[in-house]
């Protein structure tokens, strides 16, 4: 429908990427972002 899509999770980035690979989301979702070091939710800097 023309929307850009992303995933922003408190899980580690490698888990977000593994989830995307498991369900072959790469053709539809442009961002796979997790929390490794630094701020976590609800810090607005992540958004």
ModelCIF file with pLDDT and N, C-alpha, C, O atoms, coordinates in Angstrom:
data_MODEL
#
_entry.id   MODEL 
#
_entity.id                         1 
_entity.type                       polymer 
_entity.pdbx_number_of_molecules   1 
#
_entity_poly.entity_id                      1 
_entity_poly.type                           'polypeptide(L)' 
_entity_poly.nstd_linkage                   no 
_entity_poly.nstd_monomer                   no 
_entity_poly.pdbx_seq_one_letter_code       
;(UNK)(UNK)(UNK)(UNK)(UNK)(UNK)(UNK)(UNK)(UNK)(UNK)(UNK)(UNK)(UNK)(UNK)(UNK)(UNK)
(UNK)(UNK)(UNK)(UNK)(UNK)(UNK)(UNK)(UNK)(UNK)(UNK)(UNK)(UNK)(UNK)(UNK)(UNK)(UNK)
(UNK)(UNK)(UNK)(UNK)(UNK)(UNK)(UNK)(UNK)(UNK)(UNK)(UNK)(UNK)(UNK)(UNK)(UNK)
;
_entity_poly.pdbx_seq_one_letter_code_can   XXXXXXXXXXXXXXXXXXXXXXXXXXXXXXXXXXXXXXXXXXXXXXX 
_entity_poly.pdbx_strand_id                 A 
#
loop_
_entity_poly_seq.entity_id 
_entity_poly_seq.num 
_entity_poly_seq.mon_id 
_entity_poly_seq.hetero 
1 1  UNK n 
1 2  UNK n 
1 3  UNK n 
1 4  UNK n 
1 5  UNK n 
1 6  UNK n 
1 7  UNK n 
1 8  UNK n 
1 9  UNK n 
1 10 UNK n 
1 11 UNK n 
1 12 UNK n 
1 13 UNK n 
1 14 UNK n 
1 15 UNK n 
1 16 UNK n 
1 17 UNK n 
1 18 UNK n 
1 19 UNK n 
1 20 UNK n 
1 21 UNK n 
1 22 UNK n 
1 23 UNK n 
1 24 UNK n 
1 25 UNK n 
1 26 UNK n 
1 27 UNK n 
1 28 UNK n 
1 29 UNK n 
1 30 UNK n 
1 31 UNK n 
1 32 UNK n 
1 33 UNK n 
1 34 UNK n 
1 35 UNK n 
1 36 UNK n 
1 37 UNK n 
1 38 UNK n 
1 39 UNK n 
1 40 UNK n 
1 41 UNK n 
1 42 UNK n 
1 43 UNK n 
1 44 UNK n 
1 45 UNK n 
1 46 UNK n 
1 47 UNK n 
#
_struct_asym.id          A 
_struct_asym.entity_id   1 
#
loop_
_ma_qa_metric.id 
_ma_qa_metric.mode 
_ma_qa_metric.name 
_ma_qa_metric.software_group_id 
_ma_qa_metric.type 
1 global pLDDT . pLDDT 
2 local  pLDDT . pLDDT 
#
_ma_qa_metric_global.metric_id      1 
_ma_qa_metric_global.metric_value   93.83 
_ma_qa_metric_global.model_id       1 
_ma_qa_metric_global.ordinal_id     1 
#
loop_
_ma_qa_metric_local.label_asym_id 
_ma_qa_metric_local.label_comp_id 
_ma_qa_metric_local.label_seq_id 
_ma_qa_metric_local.metric_id 
_ma_qa_metric_local.metric_value 
_ma_qa_metric_local.model_id 
_ma_qa_metric_local.ordinal_id 
A UNK 1  2 96.00 1 1  
A UNK 2  2 96.00 1 2  
A UNK 3  2 97.00 1 3  
A UNK 4  2 98.00 1 4  
A UNK 5  2 98.00 1 5  
A UNK 6  2 98.00 1 6  
A UNK 7  2 98.00 1 7  
A UNK 8  2 97.00 1 8  
A UNK 9  2 95.00 1 9  
A UNK 10 2 91.00 1 10 
A UNK 11 2 90.00 1 11 
A UNK 12 2 91.00 1 12 
A UNK 13 2 94.00 1 13 
A UNK 14 2 92.00 1 14 
A UNK 15 2 90.00 1 15 
A UNK 16 2 94.00 1 16 
A UNK 17 2 94.00 1 17 
A UNK 18 2 91.00 1 18 
A UNK 19 2 93.00 1 19 
A UNK 20 2 94.00 1 20 
A UNK 21 2 93.00 1 21 
A UNK 22 2 92.00 1 22 
A UNK 23 2 93.00 1 23 
A UNK 24 2 93.00 1 24 
A UNK 25 2 95.00 1 25 
A UNK 26 2 94.00 1 26 
A UNK 27 2 94.00 1 27 
A UNK 28 2 97.00 1 28 
A UNK 29 2 97.00 1 29 
A UNK 30 2 96.00 1 30 
A UNK 31 2 97.00 1 31 
A UNK 32 2 97.00 1 32 
A UNK 33 2 96.00 1 33 
A UNK 34 2 94.00 1 34 
A UNK 35 2 92.00 1 35 
A UNK 36 2 89.00 1 36 
A UNK 37 2 82.00 1 37 
A UNK 38 2 82.00 1 38 
A UNK 39 2 89.00 1 39 
A UNK 40 2 90.00 1 40 
A UNK 41 2 93.00 1 41 
A UNK 42 2 93.00 1 42 
A UNK 43 2 96.00 1 43 
A UNK 44 2 97.00 1 44 
A UNK 45 2 97.00 1 45 
A UNK 46 2 97.00 1 46 
A UNK 47 2 98.00 1 47 
#
loop_
_atom_site.group_PDB 
_atom_site.id 
_atom_site.type_symbol 
_atom_site.label_atom_id 
_atom_site.label_alt_id 
_atom_site.label_comp_id 
_atom_site.label_asym_id 
_atom_site.label_entity_id 
_atom_site.label_seq_id 
_atom_site.pdbx_PDB_ins_code 
_atom_site.Cartn_x 
_atom_site.Cartn_y 
_atom_site.Cartn_z 
_atom_site.occupancy 
_atom_site.B_iso_or_equiv 
_atom_site.pdbx_formal_charge 
_atom_site.auth_seq_id 
_atom_site.auth_comp_id 
_atom_site.auth_asym_id 
_atom_site.auth_atom_id 
_atom_site.pdbx_PDB_model_num 
ATOM 1   N N  . UNK A 1 1  ? 0.794  -1.214  0.000  1.00 96.00 ? 1  UNK A N  1 
ATOM 2   C CA . UNK A 1 1  ? 0.000  0.000   0.000  1.00 96.00 ? 1  UNK A CA 1 
ATOM 3   C C  . UNK A 1 1  ? 0.829  1.268   0.000  1.00 96.00 ? 1  UNK A C  1 
ATOM 4   O O  . UNK A 1 1  ? 0.288  2.374   -0.022 1.00 96.00 ? 1  UNK A O  1 
ATOM 5   N N  . UNK A 1 2  ? 2.162  1.106   0.026  1.00 96.00 ? 2  UNK A N  1 
ATOM 6   C CA . UNK A 1 2  ? 3.050  2.258   -0.083 1.00 96.00 ? 2  UNK A CA 1 
ATOM 7   C C  . UNK A 1 2  ? 3.662  2.745   1.210  1.00 96.00 ? 2  UNK A C  1 
ATOM 8   O O  . UNK A 1 2  ? 4.297  3.800   1.227  1.00 96.00 ? 2  UNK A O  1 
ATOM 9   N N  . UNK A 1 3  ? 3.490  2.005   2.299  1.00 97.00 ? 3  UNK A N  1 
ATOM 10  C CA . UNK A 1 3  ? 4.053  2.404   3.589  1.00 97.00 ? 3  UNK A CA 1 
ATOM 11  C C  . UNK A 1 3  ? 5.435  1.802   3.797  1.00 97.00 ? 3  UNK A C  1 
ATOM 12  O O  . UNK A 1 3  ? 5.692  0.668   3.391  1.00 97.00 ? 3  UNK A O  1 
ATOM 13  N N  . UNK A 1 4  ? 6.320  2.558   4.429  1.00 98.00 ? 4  UNK A N  1 
ATOM 14  C CA . UNK A 1 4  ? 7.588  2.007   4.887  1.00 98.00 ? 4  UNK A CA 1 
ATOM 15  C C  . UNK A 1 4  ? 7.348  1.339   6.235  1.00 98.00 ? 4  UNK A C  1 
ATOM 16  O O  . UNK A 1 4  ? 6.627  1.873   7.077  1.00 98.00 ? 4  UNK A O  1 
ATOM 17  N N  . UNK A 1 5  ? 7.948  0.179   6.436  1.00 98.00 ? 5  UNK A N  1 
ATOM 18  C CA . UNK A 1 5  ? 7.723  -0.578  7.661  1.00 98.00 ? 5  UNK A CA 1 
ATOM 19  C C  . UNK A 1 5  ? 9.036  -0.854  8.380  1.00 98.00 ? 5  UNK A C  1 
ATOM 20  O O  . UNK A 1 5  ? 10.074 -1.051  7.749  1.00 98.00 ? 5  UNK A O  1 
ATOM 21  N N  . UNK A 1 6  ? 8.977  -0.865  9.696  1.00 98.00 ? 6  UNK A N  1 
ATOM 22  C CA . UNK A 1 6  ? 10.147 -1.182  10.495 1.00 98.00 ? 6  UNK A CA 1 
ATOM 23  C C  . UNK A 1 6  ? 9.760  -1.955  11.735 1.00 98.00 ? 6  UNK A C  1 
ATOM 24  O O  . UNK A 1 6  ? 8.605  -1.922  12.159 1.00 98.00 ? 6  UNK A O  1 
ATOM 25  N N  . UNK A 1 7  ? 10.720 -2.649  12.318 1.00 98.00 ? 7  UNK A N  1 
ATOM 26  C CA . UNK A 1 7  ? 10.526 -3.337  13.593 1.00 98.00 ? 7  UNK A CA 1 
ATOM 27  C C  . UNK A 1 7  ? 11.514 -2.751  14.589 1.00 98.00 ? 7  UNK A C  1 
ATOM 28  O O  . UNK A 1 7  ? 12.715 -2.685  14.326 1.00 98.00 ? 7  UNK A O  1 
ATOM 29  N N  . UNK A 1 8  ? 10.998 -2.328  15.730 1.00 97.00 ? 8  UNK A N  1 
ATOM 30  C CA . UNK A 1 8  ? 11.806 -1.763  16.804 1.00 97.00 ? 8  UNK A CA 1 
ATOM 31  C C  . UNK A 1 8  ? 11.474 -2.511  18.082 1.00 97.00 ? 8  UNK A C  1 
ATOM 32  O O  . UNK A 1 8  ? 10.383 -2.368  18.634 1.00 97.00 ? 8  UNK A O  1 
ATOM 33  N N  . UNK A 1 9  ? 12.421 -3.308  18.547 1.00 95.00 ? 9  UNK A N  1 
ATOM 34  C CA . UNK A 1 9  ? 12.173 -4.213  19.671 1.00 95.00 ? 9  UNK A CA 1 
ATOM 35  C C  . UNK A 1 9  ? 13.158 -3.962  20.804 1.00 95.00 ? 9  UNK A C  1 
ATOM 36  O O  . UNK A 1 9  ? 14.261 -3.465  20.576 1.00 95.00 ? 9  UNK A O  1 
ATOM 37  N N  . UNK A 1 10 ? 12.759 -4.309  22.026 1.00 91.00 ? 10 UNK A N  1 
ATOM 38  C CA . UNK A 1 10 ? 13.676 -4.280  23.167 1.00 91.00 ? 10 UNK A CA 1 
ATOM 39  C C  . UNK A 1 10 ? 14.561 -5.514  23.195 1.00 91.00 ? 10 UNK A C  1 
ATOM 40  O O  . UNK A 1 10 ? 15.491 -5.592  23.998 1.00 91.00 ? 10 UNK A O  1 
ATOM 41  N N  . UNK A 1 11 ? 14.281 -6.483  22.323 1.00 90.00 ? 11 UNK A N  1 
ATOM 42  C CA . UNK A 1 11 ? 15.119 -7.678  22.212 1.00 90.00 ? 11 UNK A CA 1 
ATOM 43  C C  . UNK A 1 11 ? 16.438 -7.313  21.520 1.00 90.00 ? 11 UNK A C  1 
ATOM 44  O O  . UNK A 1 11 ? 16.511 -6.284  20.848 1.00 90.00 ? 11 UNK A O  1 
ATOM 45  N N  . UNK A 1 12 ? 17.472 -8.132  21.671 1.00 91.00 ? 12 UNK A N  1 
ATOM 46  C CA . UNK A 1 12 ? 18.733 -7.867  20.962 1.00 91.00 ? 12 UNK A CA 1 
ATOM 47  C C  . UNK A 1 12 ? 18.526 -7.837  19.451 1.00 91.00 ? 12 UNK A C  1 
ATOM 48  O O  . UNK A 1 12 ? 17.649 -8.518  18.919 1.00 91.00 ? 12 UNK A O  1 
ATOM 49  N N  . UNK A 1 13 ? 19.340 -7.045  18.774 1.00 94.00 ? 13 UNK A N  1 
ATOM 50  C CA . UNK A 1 13 ? 19.205 -6.889  17.329 1.00 94.00 ? 13 UNK A CA 1 
ATOM 51  C C  . UNK A 1 13 ? 19.300 -8.226  16.603 1.00 94.00 ? 13 UNK A C  1 
ATOM 52  O O  . UNK A 1 13 ? 18.581 -8.451  15.630 1.00 94.00 ? 13 UNK A O  1 
ATOM 53  N N  . UNK A 1 14 ? 20.176 -9.112  17.061 1.00 92.00 ? 14 UNK A N  1 
ATOM 54  C CA . UNK A 1 14 ? 20.326 -10.397 16.380 1.00 92.00 ? 14 UNK A CA 1 
ATOM 55  C C  . UNK A 1 14 ? 19.046 -11.220 16.441 1.00 92.00 ? 14 UNK A C  1 
ATOM 56  O O  . UNK A 1 14 ? 18.772 -12.000 15.530 1.00 92.00 ? 14 UNK A O  1 
ATOM 57  N N  . UNK A 1 15 ? 18.255 -11.057 17.508 1.00 90.00 ? 15 UNK A N  1 
ATOM 58  C CA . UNK A 1 15 ? 16.977 -11.769 17.598 1.00 90.00 ? 15 UNK A CA 1 
ATOM 59  C C  . UNK A 1 15 ? 15.960 -11.181 16.632 1.00 90.00 ? 15 UNK A C  1 
ATOM 60  O O  . UNK A 1 15 ? 15.166 -11.912 16.039 1.00 90.00 ? 15 UNK A O  1 
ATOM 61  N N  . UNK A 1 16 ? 15.982 -9.869  16.474 1.00 94.00 ? 16 UNK A N  1 
ATOM 62  C CA . UNK A 1 16 ? 15.074 -9.221  15.525 1.00 94.00 ? 16 UNK A CA 1 
ATOM 63  C C  . UNK A 1 16 ? 15.412 -9.668  14.105 1.00 94.00 ? 16 UNK A C  1 
ATOM 64  O O  . UNK A 1 16 ? 14.519 -9.961  13.310 1.00 94.00 ? 16 UNK A O  1 
ATOM 65  N N  . UNK A 1 17 ? 16.697 -9.717  13.795 1.00 94.00 ? 17 UNK A N  1 
ATOM 66  C CA . UNK A 1 17 ? 17.131 -10.137 12.463 1.00 94.00 ? 17 UNK A CA 1 
ATOM 67  C C  . UNK A 1 17 ? 16.807 -11.605 12.217 1.00 94.00 ? 17 UNK A C  1 
ATOM 68  O O  . UNK A 1 17 ? 16.415 -11.974 11.110 1.00 94.00 ? 17 UNK A O  1 
ATOM 69  N N  . UNK A 1 18 ? 16.966 -12.446 13.235 1.00 91.00 ? 18 UNK A N  1 
ATOM 70  C CA . UNK A 1 18 ? 16.647 -13.870 13.088 1.00 91.00 ? 18 UNK A CA 1 
ATOM 71  C C  . UNK A 1 18 ? 15.147 -14.055 12.849 1.00 91.00 ? 18 UNK A C  1 
ATOM 72  O O  . UNK A 1 18 ? 14.738 -14.900 12.053 1.00 91.00 ? 18 UNK A O  1 
ATOM 73  N N  . UNK A 1 19 ? 14.341 -13.266 13.538 1.00 93.00 ? 19 UNK A N  1 
ATOM 74  C CA . UNK A 1 19 ? 12.890 -13.302 13.337 1.00 93.00 ? 19 UNK A CA 1 
ATOM 75  C C  . UNK A 1 19 ? 12.542 -12.930 11.899 1.00 93.00 ? 19 UNK A C  1 
ATOM 76  O O  . UNK A 1 19 ? 11.706 -13.576 11.267 1.00 93.00 ? 19 UNK A O  1 
ATOM 77  N N  . UNK A 1 20 ? 13.186 -11.890 11.391 1.00 94.00 ? 20 UNK A N  1 
ATOM 78  C CA . UNK A 1 20 ? 12.930 -11.444 10.018 1.00 94.00 ? 20 UNK A CA 1 
ATOM 79  C C  . UNK A 1 20 ? 13.321 -12.513 9.005  1.00 94.00 ? 20 UNK A C  1 
ATOM 80  O O  . UNK A 1 20 ? 12.610 -12.741 8.026  1.00 94.00 ? 20 UNK A O  1 
ATOM 81  N N  . UNK A 1 21 ? 14.442 -13.161 9.243  1.00 93.00 ? 21 UNK A N  1 
ATOM 82  C CA . UNK A 1 21 ? 14.898 -14.210 8.330  1.00 93.00 ? 21 UNK A CA 1 
ATOM 83  C C  . UNK A 1 21 ? 13.990 -15.423 8.388  1.00 93.00 ? 21 UNK A C  1 
ATOM 84  O O  . UNK A 1 21 ? 13.703 -16.041 7.363  1.00 93.00 ? 21 UNK A O  1 
ATOM 85  N N  . UNK A 1 22 ? 13.535 -15.765 9.591  1.00 92.00 ? 22 UNK A N  1 
ATOM 86  C CA . UNK A 1 22 ? 12.697 -16.944 9.772  1.00 92.00 ? 22 UNK A CA 1 
ATOM 87  C C  . UNK A 1 22 ? 11.393 -16.826 8.980  1.00 92.00 ? 22 UNK A C  1 
ATOM 88  O O  . UNK A 1 22 ? 10.877 -17.816 8.462  1.00 92.00 ? 22 UNK A O  1 
ATOM 89  N N  . UNK A 1 23 ? 10.871 -15.603 8.895  1.00 93.00 ? 23 UNK A N  1 
ATOM 90  C CA . UNK A 1 23 ? 9.591  -15.403 8.208  1.00 93.00 ? 23 UNK A CA 1 
ATOM 91  C C  . UNK A 1 23 ? 9.740  -14.617 6.908  1.00 93.00 ? 23 UNK A C  1 
ATOM 92  O O  . UNK A 1 23 ? 8.751  -14.172 6.326  1.00 93.00 ? 23 UNK A O  1 
ATOM 93  N N  . UNK A 1 24 ? 10.992 -14.450 6.455  1.00 93.00 ? 24 UNK A N  1 
ATOM 94  C CA . UNK A 1 24 ? 11.287 -13.841 5.155  1.00 93.00 ? 24 UNK A CA 1 
ATOM 95  C C  . UNK A 1 24 ? 10.592 -12.487 5.005  1.00 93.00 ? 24 UNK A C  1 
ATOM 96  O O  . UNK A 1 24 ? 9.832  -12.253 4.066  1.00 93.00 ? 24 UNK A O  1 
ATOM 97  N N  . UNK A 1 25 ? 10.877 -11.617 5.954  1.00 95.00 ? 25 UNK A N  1 
ATOM 98  C CA . UNK A 1 25 ? 10.250 -10.295 5.973  1.00 95.00 ? 25 UNK A CA 1 
ATOM 99  C C  . UNK A 1 25 ? 11.054 -9.233  5.224  1.00 95.00 ? 25 UNK A C  1 
ATOM 100 O O  . UNK A 1 25 ? 10.586 -8.105  5.070  1.00 95.00 ? 25 UNK A O  1 
ATOM 101 N N  . UNK A 1 26 ? 12.247 -9.574  4.760  1.00 94.00 ? 26 UNK A N  1 
ATOM 102 C CA . UNK A 1 26 ? 13.149 -8.571  4.209  1.00 94.00 ? 26 UNK A CA 1 
ATOM 103 C C  . UNK A 1 26 ? 12.583 -7.841  2.995  1.00 94.00 ? 26 UNK A C  1 
ATOM 104 O O  . UNK A 1 26 ? 12.956 -6.695  2.743  1.00 94.00 ? 26 UNK A O  1 
ATOM 105 N N  . UNK A 1 27 ? 11.707 -8.467  2.250  1.00 94.00 ? 27 UNK A N  1 
ATOM 106 C CA . UNK A 1 27 ? 11.143 -7.814  1.067  1.00 94.00 ? 27 UNK A CA 1 
ATOM 107 C C  . UNK A 1 27 ? 10.068 -6.789  1.418  1.00 94.00 ? 27 UNK A C  1 
ATOM 108 O O  . UNK A 1 27 ? 9.658  -6.003  0.564  1.00 94.00 ? 27 UNK A O  1 
ATOM 109 N N  . UNK A 1 28 ? 9.609  -6.794  2.670  1.00 97.00 ? 28 UNK A N  1 
ATOM 110 C CA . UNK A 1 28 ? 8.497  -5.928  3.057  1.00 97.00 ? 28 UNK A CA 1 
ATOM 111 C C  . UNK A 1 28 ? 8.862  -4.951  4.177  1.00 97.00 ? 28 UNK A C  1 
ATOM 112 O O  . UNK A 1 28 ? 8.293  -3.863  4.269  1.00 97.00 ? 28 UNK A O  1 
ATOM 113 N N  . UNK A 1 29 ? 9.801  -5.339  5.015  1.00 97.00 ? 29 UNK A N  1 
ATOM 114 C CA . UNK A 1 29 ? 10.188 -4.523  6.169  1.00 97.00 ? 29 UNK A CA 1 
ATOM 115 C C  . UNK A 1 29 ? 11.607 -4.016  5.954  1.00 97.00 ? 29 UNK A C  1 
ATOM 116 O O  . UNK A 1 29 ? 12.504 -4.787  5.615  1.00 97.00 ? 29 UNK A O  1 
ATOM 117 N N  . UNK A 1 30 ? 11.806 -2.708  6.153  1.00 96.00 ? 30 UNK A N  1 
ATOM 118 C CA . UNK A 1 30 ? 13.093 -2.087  5.833  1.00 96.00 ? 30 UNK A CA 1 
ATOM 119 C C  . UNK A 1 30 ? 14.029 -1.954  7.024  1.00 96.00 ? 30 UNK A C  1 
ATOM 120 O O  . UNK A 1 30 ? 15.235 -1.786  6.842  1.00 96.00 ? 30 UNK A O  1 
ATOM 121 N N  . UNK A 1 31 ? 13.494 -2.024  8.243  1.00 97.00 ? 31 UNK A N  1 
ATOM 122 C CA . UNK A 1 31 ? 14.304 -1.798  9.437  1.00 97.00 ? 31 UNK A CA 1 
ATOM 123 C C  . UNK A 1 31 ? 14.084 -2.911  10.450 1.00 97.00 ? 31 UNK A C  1 
ATOM 124 O O  . UNK A 1 31 ? 12.948 -3.255  10.776 1.00 97.00 ? 31 UNK A O  1 
ATOM 125 N N  . UNK A 1 32 ? 15.193 -3.473  10.947 1.00 97.00 ? 32 UNK A N  1 
ATOM 126 C CA . UNK A 1 32 ? 15.146 -4.505  11.986 1.00 97.00 ? 32 UNK A CA 1 
ATOM 127 C C  . UNK A 1 32 ? 16.063 -4.038  13.117 1.00 97.00 ? 32 UNK A C  1 
ATOM 128 O O  . UNK A 1 32 ? 17.270 -4.276  13.089 1.00 97.00 ? 32 UNK A O  1 
ATOM 129 N N  . UNK A 1 33 ? 15.487 -3.385  14.088 1.00 96.00 ? 33 UNK A N  1 
ATOM 130 C CA . UNK A 1 33 ? 16.255 -2.687  15.126 1.00 96.00 ? 33 UNK A CA 1 
ATOM 131 C C  . UNK A 1 33 ? 15.949 -3.254  16.502 1.00 96.00 ? 33 UNK A C  1 
ATOM 132 O O  . UNK A 1 33 ? 14.789 -3.391  16.890 1.00 96.00 ? 33 UNK A O  1 
ATOM 133 N N  . UNK A 1 34 ? 17.008 -3.582  17.233 1.00 94.00 ? 34 UNK A N  1 
ATOM 134 C CA . UNK A 1 34 ? 16.862 -4.069  18.594 1.00 94.00 ? 34 UNK A CA 1 
ATOM 135 C C  . UNK A 1 34 ? 17.646 -3.203  19.558 1.00 94.00 ? 34 UNK A C  1 
ATOM 136 O O  . UNK A 1 34 ? 18.184 -2.164  19.178 1.00 94.00 ? 34 UNK A O  1 
ATOM 137 N N  . UNK A 1 35 ? 17.707 -3.635  20.804 1.00 92.00 ? 35 UNK A N  1 
ATOM 138 C CA . UNK A 1 35 ? 18.454 -2.936  21.844 1.00 92.00 ? 35 UNK A CA 1 
ATOM 139 C C  . UNK A 1 35 ? 19.605 -3.821  22.283 1.00 92.00 ? 35 UNK A C  1 
ATOM 140 O O  . UNK A 1 35 ? 19.394 -4.930  22.774 1.00 92.00 ? 35 UNK A O  1 
ATOM 141 N N  . UNK A 1 36 ? 20.821 -3.332  22.106 1.00 89.00 ? 36 UNK A N  1 
ATOM 142 C CA . UNK A 1 36 ? 22.017 -4.080  22.502 1.00 89.00 ? 36 UNK A CA 1 
ATOM 143 C C  . UNK A 1 36 ? 22.707 -3.388  23.673 1.00 89.00 ? 36 UNK A C  1 
ATOM 144 O O  . UNK A 1 36 ? 22.758 -3.932  24.776 1.00 89.00 ? 36 UNK A O  1 
ATOM 145 N N  . UNK A 1 37 ? 23.226 -2.215  23.440 1.00 82.00 ? 37 UNK A N  1 
ATOM 146 C CA . UNK A 1 37 ? 23.799 -1.389  24.499 1.00 82.00 ? 37 UNK A CA 1 
ATOM 147 C C  . UNK A 1 37 ? 23.109 -0.032  24.439 1.00 82.00 ? 37 UNK A C  1 
ATOM 148 O O  . UNK A 1 37 ? 22.478 0.307   23.438 1.00 82.00 ? 37 UNK A O  1 
ATOM 149 N N  . UNK A 1 38 ? 23.228 0.724   25.489 1.00 82.00 ? 38 UNK A N  1 
ATOM 150 C CA . UNK A 1 38 ? 22.641 2.051   25.471 1.00 82.00 ? 38 UNK A CA 1 
ATOM 151 C C  . UNK A 1 38 ? 21.195 2.051   25.897 1.00 82.00 ? 38 UNK A C  1 
ATOM 152 O O  . UNK A 1 38 ? 20.746 1.135   26.588 1.00 82.00 ? 38 UNK A O  1 
ATOM 153 N N  . UNK A 1 39 ? 20.447 3.086   25.486 1.00 89.00 ? 39 UNK A N  1 
ATOM 154 C CA . UNK A 1 39 ? 19.067 3.262   25.966 1.00 89.00 ? 39 UNK A CA 1 
ATOM 155 C C  . UNK A 1 39 ? 18.134 2.170   25.475 1.00 89.00 ? 39 UNK A C  1 
ATOM 156 O O  . UNK A 1 39 ? 18.355 1.559   24.430 1.00 89.00 ? 39 UNK A O  1 
ATOM 157 N N  . UNK A 1 40 ? 17.079 1.938   26.258 1.00 90.00 ? 40 UNK A N  1 
ATOM 158 C CA . UNK A 1 40 ? 16.031 1.004   25.874 1.00 90.00 ? 40 UNK A CA 1 
ATOM 159 C C  . UNK A 1 40 ? 14.696 1.732   25.925 1.00 90.00 ? 40 UNK A C  1 
ATOM 160 O O  . UNK A 1 40 ? 14.635 2.901   26.307 1.00 90.00 ? 40 UNK A O  1 
ATOM 161 N N  . UNK A 1 41 ? 13.638 1.049   25.545 1.00 93.00 ? 41 UNK A N  1 
ATOM 162 C CA . UNK A 1 41 ? 12.314 1.643   25.655 1.00 93.00 ? 41 UNK A CA 1 
ATOM 163 C C  . UNK A 1 41 ? 12.018 1.989   27.107 1.00 93.00 ? 41 UNK A C  1 
ATOM 164 O O  . UNK A 1 41 ? 12.354 1.202   27.992 1.00 93.00 ? 41 UNK A O  1 
ATOM 165 N N  . UNK A 1 42 ? 11.408 3.123   27.386 1.00 93.00 ? 42 UNK A N  1 
ATOM 166 C CA . UNK A 1 42 ? 10.681 4.018   26.478 1.00 93.00 ? 42 UNK A CA 1 
ATOM 167 C C  . UNK A 1 42 ? 11.465 5.247   26.024 1.00 93.00 ? 42 UNK A C  1 
ATOM 168 O O  . UNK A 1 42 ? 10.854 6.265   25.699 1.00 93.00 ? 42 UNK A O  1 
ATOM 169 N N  . UNK A 1 43 ? 12.780 5.188   25.991 1.00 96.00 ? 43 UNK A N  1 
ATOM 170 C CA . UNK A 1 43 ? 13.564 6.349   25.564 1.00 96.00 ? 43 UNK A CA 1 
ATOM 171 C C  . UNK A 1 43 ? 13.187 6.735   24.135 1.00 96.00 ? 43 UNK A C  1 
ATOM 172 O O  . UNK A 1 43 ? 13.304 5.905   23.234 1.00 96.00 ? 43 UNK A O  1 
ATOM 173 N N  . UNK A 1 44 ? 12.741 7.963   23.904 1.00 97.00 ? 44 UNK A N  1 
ATOM 174 C CA . UNK A 1 44 ? 12.307 8.360   22.557 1.00 97.00 ? 44 UNK A CA 1 
ATOM 175 C C  . UNK A 1 44 ? 13.414 8.369   21.520 1.00 97.00 ? 44 UNK A C  1 
ATOM 176 O O  . UNK A 1 44 ? 13.138 8.370   20.320 1.00 97.00 ? 44 UNK A O  1 
ATOM 177 N N  . UNK A 1 45 ? 14.672 8.375   21.968 1.00 97.00 ? 45 UNK A N  1 
ATOM 178 C CA . UNK A 1 45 ? 15.769 8.387   21.000 1.00 97.00 ? 45 UNK A CA 1 
ATOM 179 C C  . UNK A 1 45 ? 15.720 7.174   20.080 1.00 97.00 ? 45 UNK A C  1 
ATOM 180 O O  . UNK A 1 45 ? 16.150 7.248   18.929 1.00 97.00 ? 45 UNK A O  1 
ATOM 181 N N  . UNK A 1 46 ? 15.196 6.054   20.582 1.00 97.00 ? 46 UNK A N  1 
ATOM 182 C CA . UNK A 1 46 ? 15.092 4.848   19.764 1.00 97.00 ? 46 UNK A CA 1 
ATOM 183 C C  . UNK A 1 46 ? 14.136 5.070   18.603 1.00 97.00 ? 46 UNK A C  1 
ATOM 184 O O  . UNK A 1 46 ? 14.413 4.660   17.476 1.00 97.00 ? 46 UNK A O  1 
ATOM 185 N N  . UNK A 1 47 ? 13.015 5.717   18.878 1.00 98.00 ? 47 UNK A N  1 
ATOM 186 C CA . UNK A 1 47 ? 12.041 5.990   17.821 1.00 98.00 ? 47 UNK A CA 1 
ATOM 187 C C  . UNK A 1 47 ? 12.611 6.981   16.813 1.00 98.00 ? 47 UNK A C  1 
ATOM 188 O O  . UNK A 1 47 ? 11.937 7.336   15.846 1.00 98.00 ? 47 UNK A O  1 
#
